[in-house]
């Protein structure tokens, strides 16, 4: 459900405060790291590092291509 969030000046930066109901439901706690990703439809806040997802895709492609070599190295 969309929530209206106001952008406020925080020191030399701008910041937003997430509603308590949202942080409780999503289990976001003080000190957690979120990534802001620009999308075609706006900004996405996610706890998942987008660079990690890309690295995993590259790993999976390489592990399929070099499956036999990796199997022999594991022995």
PDB file of N, CA and C in Angstrom:
ATOM      1  N   UNK A   1       0.845  -1.180   0.000  1.00  0.00           N
ATOM      2  CA  UNK A   1       0.000   0.000   0.000  1.00  0.00           C
ATOM      3  C   UNK A   1       0.893   1.247   0.000  1.00  0.00           C
ATOM      4  N   UNK A   2       0.694   2.155  -0.928  1.00  0.00           N
ATOM      5  CA  UNK A   2       1.519   3.363  -1.010  1.00  0.00           C
ATOM      6  C   UNK A   2       1.384   4.235   0.237  1.00  0.00           C
ATOM      7  N   UNK A   3       2.490   4.781   0.672  1.00  0.00           N
ATOM      8  CA  UNK A   3       2.519   5.704   1.805  1.00  0.00           C
ATOM      9  C   UNK A   3       3.154   7.006   1.348  1.00  0.00           C
ATOM     10  N   UNK A   4       2.616   8.110   1.805  1.00  0.00           N
ATOM     11  CA  UNK A   4       3.172   9.421   1.500  1.00  0.00           C
ATOM     12  C   UNK A   4       4.321   9.682   2.472  1.00  0.00           C
ATOM     13  N   UNK A   5       5.499   9.970   1.926  1.00  0.00           N
ATOM     14  CA  UNK A   5       6.691  10.207   2.731  1.00  0.00           C
ATOM     15  C   UNK A   5       7.246  11.568   2.339  1.00  0.00           C
ATOM     16  N   UNK A   6       7.583  12.372   3.327  1.00  0.00           N
ATOM     17  CA  UNK A   6       8.090  13.716   3.080  1.00  0.00           C
ATOM     18  C   UNK A   6       9.611  13.725   3.128  1.00  0.00           C
ATOM     19  N   UNK A   7      10.224  14.407   2.168  1.00  0.00           N
ATOM     20  CA  UNK A   7      11.677  14.567   2.134  1.00  0.00           C
ATOM     21  C   UNK A   7      12.026  15.768   3.006  1.00  0.00           C
ATOM     22  N   UNK A   8      13.021  15.576   3.887  1.00  0.00           N
ATOM     23  CA  UNK A   8      13.423  16.637   4.810  1.00  0.00           C
ATOM     24  C   UNK A   8      14.936  16.841   4.745  1.00  0.00           C
ATOM     25  N   UNK A   9      15.354  18.043   5.088  1.00  0.00           N
ATOM     26  CA  UNK A   9      16.787  18.341   5.159  1.00  0.00           C
ATOM     27  C   UNK A   9      17.324  17.720   6.448  1.00  0.00           C
ATOM     28  N   UNK A  10      18.426  16.966   6.318  1.00  0.00           N
ATOM     29  CA  UNK A  10      19.087  16.345   7.472  1.00  0.00           C
ATOM     30  C   UNK A  10      20.568  16.679   7.366  1.00  0.00           C
ATOM     31  N   UNK A  11      20.981  17.721   8.059  1.00  0.00           N
ATOM     32  CA  UNK A  11      22.365  18.184   7.935  1.00  0.00           C
ATOM     33  C   UNK A  11      22.572  18.742   6.547  1.00  0.00           C
ATOM     34  N   UNK A  12      23.576  18.245   5.833  1.00  0.00           N
ATOM     35  CA  UNK A  12      23.844  18.701   4.471  1.00  0.00           C
ATOM     36  C   UNK A  12      23.169  17.848   3.417  1.00  0.00           C
ATOM     37  N   UNK A  13      22.383  16.858   3.850  1.00  0.00           N
ATOM     38  CA  UNK A  13      21.735  15.934   2.921  1.00  0.00           C
ATOM     39  C   UNK A  13      20.223  16.046   3.017  1.00  0.00           C
ATOM     40  N   UNK A  14      19.549  15.257   2.193  1.00  0.00           N
ATOM     41  CA  UNK A  14      18.107  15.117   2.288  1.00  0.00           C
ATOM     42  C   UNK A  14      17.810  13.705   2.753  1.00  0.00           C
ATOM     43  N   UNK A  15      16.750  13.526   3.505  1.00  0.00           N
ATOM     44  CA  UNK A  15      16.410  12.203   4.004  1.00  0.00           C
ATOM     45  C   UNK A  15      14.918  12.014   4.114  1.00  0.00           C
ATOM     46  N   UNK A  16      14.530  10.777   4.292  1.00  0.00           N
ATOM     47  CA  UNK A  16      13.121  10.436   4.493  1.00  0.00           C
ATOM     48  C   UNK A  16      13.014   9.575   5.734  1.00  0.00           C
ATOM     49  N   UNK A  17      11.852   9.594   6.342  1.00  0.00           N
ATOM     50  CA  UNK A  17      11.561   8.746   7.488  1.00  0.00           C
ATOM     51  C   UNK A  17      10.500   7.755   7.058  1.00  0.00           C
ATOM     52  N   UNK A  18      10.784   6.468   7.253  1.00  0.00           N
ATOM     53  CA  UNK A  18       9.821   5.432   6.886  1.00  0.00           C
ATOM     54  C   UNK A  18       8.838   5.229   8.026  1.00  0.00           C
ATOM     55  N   UNK A  19       7.545   5.030   7.712  1.00  0.00           N
ATOM     56  CA  UNK A  19       6.550   4.814   8.756  1.00  0.00           C
ATOM     57  C   UNK A  19       6.843   3.551   9.567  1.00  0.00           C
ATOM     58  N   UNK A  20       6.546   3.593  10.866  1.00  0.00           N
ATOM     59  CA  UNK A  20       6.805   2.478  11.768  1.00  0.00           C
ATOM     60  C   UNK A  20       6.127   1.199  11.308  1.00  0.00           C
ATOM     61  N   UNK A  21       4.887   1.291  10.813  1.00  0.00           N
ATOM     62  CA  UNK A  21       4.173   0.084  10.355  1.00  0.00           C
ATOM     63  C   UNK A  21       4.952  -0.599   9.231  1.00  0.00           C
ATOM     64  N   UNK A  22       5.536   0.219   8.360  1.00  0.00           N
ATOM     65  CA  UNK A  22       6.281  -0.326   7.221  1.00  0.00           C
ATOM     66  C   UNK A  22       7.577  -0.990   7.691  1.00  0.00           C
ATOM     67  N   UNK A  23       8.312  -0.318   8.583  1.00  0.00           N
ATOM     68  CA  UNK A  23       9.566  -0.899   9.062  1.00  0.00           C
ATOM     69  C   UNK A  23       9.316  -2.154   9.887  1.00  0.00           C
ATOM     70  N   UNK A  24       8.234  -2.179  10.644  1.00  0.00           N
ATOM     71  CA  UNK A  24       7.892  -3.388  11.412  1.00  0.00           C
ATOM     72  C   UNK A  24       7.570  -4.547  10.471  1.00  0.00           C
ATOM     73  N   UNK A  25       6.751  -4.283   9.466  1.00  0.00           N
ATOM     74  CA  UNK A  25       6.322  -5.328   8.533  1.00  0.00           C
ATOM     75  C   UNK A  25       7.512  -5.865   7.724  1.00  0.00           C
ATOM     76  N   UNK A  26       8.425  -4.972   7.356  1.00  0.00           N
ATOM     77  CA  UNK A  26       9.570  -5.376   6.535  1.00  0.00           C
ATOM     78  C   UNK A  26      10.793  -5.750   7.375  1.00  0.00           C
ATOM     79  N   UNK A  27      10.642  -5.693   8.693  1.00  0.00           N
ATOM     80  CA  UNK A  27      11.702  -6.046   9.648  1.00  0.00           C
ATOM     81  C   UNK A  27      12.980  -5.244   9.411  1.00  0.00           C
ATOM     82  N   UNK A  28      12.806  -3.947   9.187  1.00  0.00           N
ATOM     83  CA  UNK A  28      13.939  -3.039   9.029  1.00  0.00           C
ATOM     84  C   UNK A  28      14.251  -2.468  10.400  1.00  0.00           C
ATOM     85  N   UNK A  29      15.528  -2.537  10.794  1.00  0.00           N
ATOM     86  CA  UNK A  29      15.925  -2.055  12.110  1.00  0.00           C
ATOM     87  C   UNK A  29      17.002  -0.995  11.982  1.00  0.00           C
ATOM     88  N   UNK A  30      17.232  -0.272  13.065  1.00  0.00           N
ATOM     89  CA  UNK A  30      18.259   0.756  13.120  1.00  0.00           C
ATOM     90  C   UNK A  30      19.606   0.147  12.748  1.00  0.00           C
ATOM     91  N   UNK A  31      20.309   0.762  11.828  1.00  0.00           N
ATOM     92  CA  UNK A  31      21.611   0.277  11.408  1.00  0.00           C
ATOM     93  C   UNK A  31      21.584  -0.614  10.178  1.00  0.00           C
ATOM     94  N   UNK A  32      20.400  -1.067   9.745  1.00  0.00           N
ATOM     95  CA  UNK A  32      20.305  -1.886   8.534  1.00  0.00           C
ATOM     96  C   UNK A  32      20.729  -1.058   7.321  1.00  0.00           C
ATOM     97  N   UNK A  33      21.270  -1.725   6.329  1.00  0.00           N
ATOM     98  CA  UNK A  33      21.701  -1.055   5.095  1.00  0.00           C
ATOM     99  C   UNK A  33      20.656  -1.307   4.015  1.00  0.00           C
ATOM    100  N   UNK A  34      20.210  -0.242   3.364  1.00  0.00           N
ATOM    101  CA  UNK A  34      19.291  -0.336   2.228  1.00  0.00           C
ATOM    102  C   UNK A  34      19.991   0.283   1.021  1.00  0.00           C
ATOM    103  N   UNK A  35      19.695  -0.227  -0.154  1.00  0.00           N
ATOM    104  CA  UNK A  35      20.242   0.304  -1.395  1.00  0.00           C
ATOM    105  C   UNK A  35      19.124   1.015  -2.148  1.00  0.00           C
ATOM    106  N   UNK A  36      19.408   2.214  -2.640  1.00  0.00           N
ATOM    107  CA  UNK A  36      18.460   2.967  -3.451  1.00  0.00           C
ATOM    108  C   UNK A  36      18.824   2.728  -4.914  1.00  0.00           C
ATOM    109  N   UNK A  37      17.894   2.140  -5.659  1.00  0.00           N
ATOM    110  CA  UNK A  37      18.122   1.812  -7.059  1.00  0.00           C
ATOM    111  C   UNK A  37      17.169   2.636  -7.914  1.00  0.00           C
ATOM    112  N   UNK A  38      17.709   3.376  -8.863  1.00  0.00           N
ATOM    113  CA  UNK A  38      16.864   4.153  -9.777  1.00  0.00           C
ATOM    114  C   UNK A  38      16.270   3.209 -10.814  1.00  0.00           C
ATOM    115  N   UNK A  39      14.953   3.266 -10.980  1.00  0.00           N
ATOM    116  CA  UNK A  39      14.262   2.462 -11.987  1.00  0.00           C
ATOM    117  C   UNK A  39      13.499   3.392 -12.916  1.00  0.00           C
ATOM    118  N   UNK A  40      12.899   2.839 -13.960  1.00  0.00           N
ATOM    119  CA  UNK A  40      12.104   3.655 -14.887  1.00  0.00           C
ATOM    120  C   UNK A  40      10.902   4.288 -14.191  1.00  0.00           C
ATOM    121  N   UNK A  41      10.390   3.623 -13.156  1.00  0.00           N
ATOM    122  CA  UNK A  41       9.197   4.128 -12.489  1.00  0.00           C
ATOM    123  C   UNK A  41       9.486   4.852 -11.185  1.00  0.00           C
ATOM    124  N   UNK A  42      10.753   5.054 -10.831  1.00  0.00           N
ATOM    125  CA  UNK A  42      11.067   5.780  -9.604  1.00  0.00           C
ATOM    126  C   UNK A  42      12.273   5.196  -8.900  1.00  0.00           C
ATOM    127  N   UNK A  43      12.239   5.234  -7.574  1.00  0.00           N
ATOM    128  CA  UNK A  43      13.350   4.746  -6.750  1.00  0.00           C
ATOM    129  C   UNK A  43      12.886   3.512  -5.991  1.00  0.00           C
ATOM    130  N   UNK A  44      13.710   2.469  -6.007  1.00  0.00           N
ATOM    131  CA  UNK A  44      13.430   1.231  -5.296  1.00  0.00           C
ATOM    132  C   UNK A  44      14.398   1.128  -4.127  1.00  0.00           C
ATOM    133  N   UNK A  45      13.859   0.941  -2.907  1.00  0.00           N
ATOM    134  CA  UNK A  45      14.696   0.687  -1.736  1.00  0.00           C
ATOM    135  C   UNK A  45      14.725  -0.809  -1.509  1.00  0.00           C
ATOM    136  N   UNK A  46      15.917  -1.380  -1.422  1.00  0.00           N
ATOM    137  CA  UNK A  46      16.045  -2.820  -1.254  1.00  0.00           C
ATOM    138  C   UNK A  46      17.199  -3.146  -0.318  1.00  0.00           C
ATOM    139  N   UNK A  47      17.077  -4.218   0.467  1.00  0.00           N
ATOM    140  CA  UNK A  47      18.201  -4.632   1.307  1.00  0.00           C
ATOM    141  C   UNK A  47      19.232  -5.452   0.528  1.00  0.00           C
ATOM    142  N   UNK A  48      18.933  -5.776  -0.728  1.00  0.00           N
ATOM    143  CA  UNK A  48      19.811  -6.616  -1.542  1.00  0.00           C
ATOM    144  C   UNK A  48      20.728  -5.761  -2.403  1.00  0.00           C
ATOM    145  N   UNK A  49      22.019  -6.051  -2.349  1.00  0.00           N
ATOM    146  CA  UNK A  49      23.019  -5.317  -3.124  1.00  0.00           C
ATOM    147  C   UNK A  49      22.873  -5.697  -4.595  1.00  0.00           C
ATOM    148  N   UNK A  50      22.504  -4.762  -5.475  1.00  0.00           N
ATOM    149  CA  UNK A  50      22.331  -5.081  -6.894  1.00  0.00           C
ATOM    150  C   UNK A  50      23.606  -5.634  -7.538  1.00  0.00           C
ATOM    151  N   UNK A  51      24.772  -5.206  -7.095  1.00  0.00           N
ATOM    152  CA  UNK A  51      26.025  -5.708  -7.662  1.00  0.00           C
ATOM    153  C   UNK A  51      26.209  -7.185  -7.335  1.00  0.00           C
ATOM    154  N   UNK A  52      25.714  -7.632  -6.187  1.00  0.00           N
ATOM    155  CA  UNK A  52      25.826  -9.040  -5.811  1.00  0.00           C
ATOM    156  C   UNK A  52      25.012  -9.904  -6.762  1.00  0.00           C
ATOM    157  N   UNK A  53      23.828  -9.444  -7.123  1.00  0.00           N
ATOM    158  CA  UNK A  53      22.982 -10.194  -8.061  1.00  0.00           C
ATOM    159  C   UNK A  53      23.671 -10.375  -9.405  1.00  0.00           C
ATOM    160  N   UNK A  54      24.312  -9.346  -9.895  1.00  0.00           N
ATOM    161  CA  UNK A  54      25.036  -9.427 -11.168  1.00  0.00           C
ATOM    162  C   UNK A  54      26.219 -10.391 -11.042  1.00  0.00           C
ATOM    163  N   UNK A  55      26.931 -10.329  -9.927  1.00  0.00           N
ATOM    164  CA  UNK A  55      28.061 -11.234  -9.716  1.00  0.00           C
ATOM    165  C   UNK A  55      27.590 -12.682  -9.687  1.00  0.00           C
ATOM    166  N   UNK A  56      26.446 -12.957  -9.083  1.00  0.00           N
ATOM    167  CA  UNK A  56      25.917 -14.317  -9.030  1.00  0.00           C
ATOM    168  C   UNK A  56      25.530 -14.807 -10.429  1.00  0.00           C
ATOM    169  N   UNK A  57      24.983 -13.930 -11.262  1.00  0.00           N
ATOM    170  CA  UNK A  57      24.642 -14.307 -12.636  1.00  0.00           C
ATOM    171  C   UNK A  57      25.906 -14.712 -13.398  1.00  0.00           C
ATOM    172  N   UNK A  58      26.965 -13.933 -13.243  1.00  0.00           N
ATOM    173  CA  UNK A  58      28.226 -14.253 -13.913  1.00  0.00           C
ATOM    174  C   UNK A  58      28.797 -15.566 -13.402  1.00  0.00           C
ATOM    175  N   UNK A  59      28.710 -15.784 -12.085  1.00  0.00           N
ATOM    176  CA  UNK A  59      29.200 -17.037 -11.512  1.00  0.00           C
ATOM    177  C   UNK A  59      28.435 -18.234 -12.072  1.00  0.00           C
ATOM    178  N   UNK A  60      27.112 -18.117 -12.112  1.00  0.00           N
ATOM    179  CA  UNK A  60      26.293 -19.234 -12.588  1.00  0.00           C
ATOM    180  C   UNK A  60      26.603 -19.562 -14.049  1.00  0.00           C
ATOM    181  N   UNK A  61      26.784 -18.529 -14.859  1.00  0.00           N
ATOM    182  CA  UNK A  61      27.113 -18.760 -16.259  1.00  0.00           C
ATOM    183  C   UNK A  61      28.473 -19.447 -16.385  1.00  0.00           C
ATOM    184  N   UNK A  62      29.450 -18.974 -15.615  1.00  0.00           N
ATOM    185  CA  UNK A  62      30.777 -19.574 -15.653  1.00  0.00           C
ATOM    186  C   UNK A  62      30.798 -20.982 -15.087  1.00  0.00           C
ATOM    187  N   UNK A  63      30.008 -21.219 -14.037  1.00  0.00           N
ATOM    188  CA  UNK A  63      30.008 -22.562 -13.440  1.00  0.00           C
ATOM    189  C   UNK A  63      29.384 -23.590 -14.382  1.00  0.00           C
ATOM    190  N   UNK A  64      28.428 -23.183 -15.188  1.00  0.00           N
ATOM    191  CA  UNK A  64      27.858 -24.104 -16.184  1.00  0.00           C
ATOM    192  C   UNK A  64      28.871 -24.377 -17.295  1.00  0.00           C
ATOM    193  N   UNK A  65      29.540 -23.318 -17.738  1.00  0.00           N
ATOM    194  CA  UNK A  65      30.479 -23.446 -18.854  1.00  0.00           C
ATOM    195  C   UNK A  65      31.689 -24.301 -18.470  1.00  0.00           C
ATOM    196  N   UNK A  66      32.179 -24.119 -17.247  1.00  0.00           N
ATOM    197  CA  UNK A  66      33.385 -24.820 -16.802  1.00  0.00           C
ATOM    198  C   UNK A  66      33.067 -25.886 -15.748  1.00  0.00           C
ATOM    199  N   UNK A  67      31.895 -26.503 -15.851  1.00  0.00           N
ATOM    200  CA  UNK A  67      31.441 -27.484 -14.871  1.00  0.00           C
ATOM    201  C   UNK A  67      32.451 -28.615 -14.680  1.00  0.00           C
ATOM    202  N   UNK A  68      32.927 -29.179 -15.788  1.00  0.00           N
ATOM    203  CA  UNK A  68      33.864 -30.311 -15.696  1.00  0.00           C
ATOM    204  C   UNK A  68      35.183 -29.910 -15.050  1.00  0.00           C
ATOM    205  N   UNK A  69      35.698 -28.774 -15.420  1.00  0.00           N
ATOM    206  CA  UNK A  69      36.967 -28.306 -14.841  1.00  0.00           C
ATOM    207  C   UNK A  69      36.799 -28.057 -13.350  1.00  0.00           C
ATOM    208  N   UNK A  70      35.716 -27.451 -12.945  1.00  0.00           N
ATOM    209  CA  UNK A  70      35.473 -27.194 -11.525  1.00  0.00           C
ATOM    210  C   UNK A  70      35.322 -28.503 -10.740  1.00  0.00           C
ATOM    211  N   UNK A  71      34.677 -29.471 -11.357  1.00  0.00           N
ATOM    212  CA  UNK A  71      34.499 -30.768 -10.706  1.00  0.00           C
ATOM    213  C   UNK A  71      35.868 -31.422 -10.458  1.00  0.00           C
ATOM    214  N   UNK A  72      36.748 -31.341 -11.464  1.00  0.00           N
ATOM    215  CA  UNK A  72      38.085 -31.950 -11.315  1.00  0.00           C
ATOM    216  C   UNK A  72      38.918 -31.201 -10.286  1.00  0.00           C
ATOM    217  N   UNK A  73      38.804 -29.889 -10.228  1.00  0.00           N
ATOM    218  CA  UNK A  73      39.532 -29.104  -9.228  1.00  0.00           C
ATOM    219  C   UNK A  73      39.059 -29.434  -7.818  1.00  0.00           C
ATOM    220  N   UNK A  74      37.790 -29.799  -7.653  1.00  0.00           N
ATOM    221  CA  UNK A  74      37.243 -30.102  -6.344  1.00  0.00           C
ATOM    222  C   UNK A  74      37.760 -31.423  -5.794  1.00  0.00           C
ATOM    223  N   UNK A  75      38.259 -32.292  -6.664  1.00  0.00           N
ATOM    224  CA  UNK A  75      38.744 -33.603  -6.202  1.00  0.00           C
ATOM    225  C   UNK A  75      40.089 -33.541  -5.563  1.00  0.00           C
TER     226      UNK A  75
END
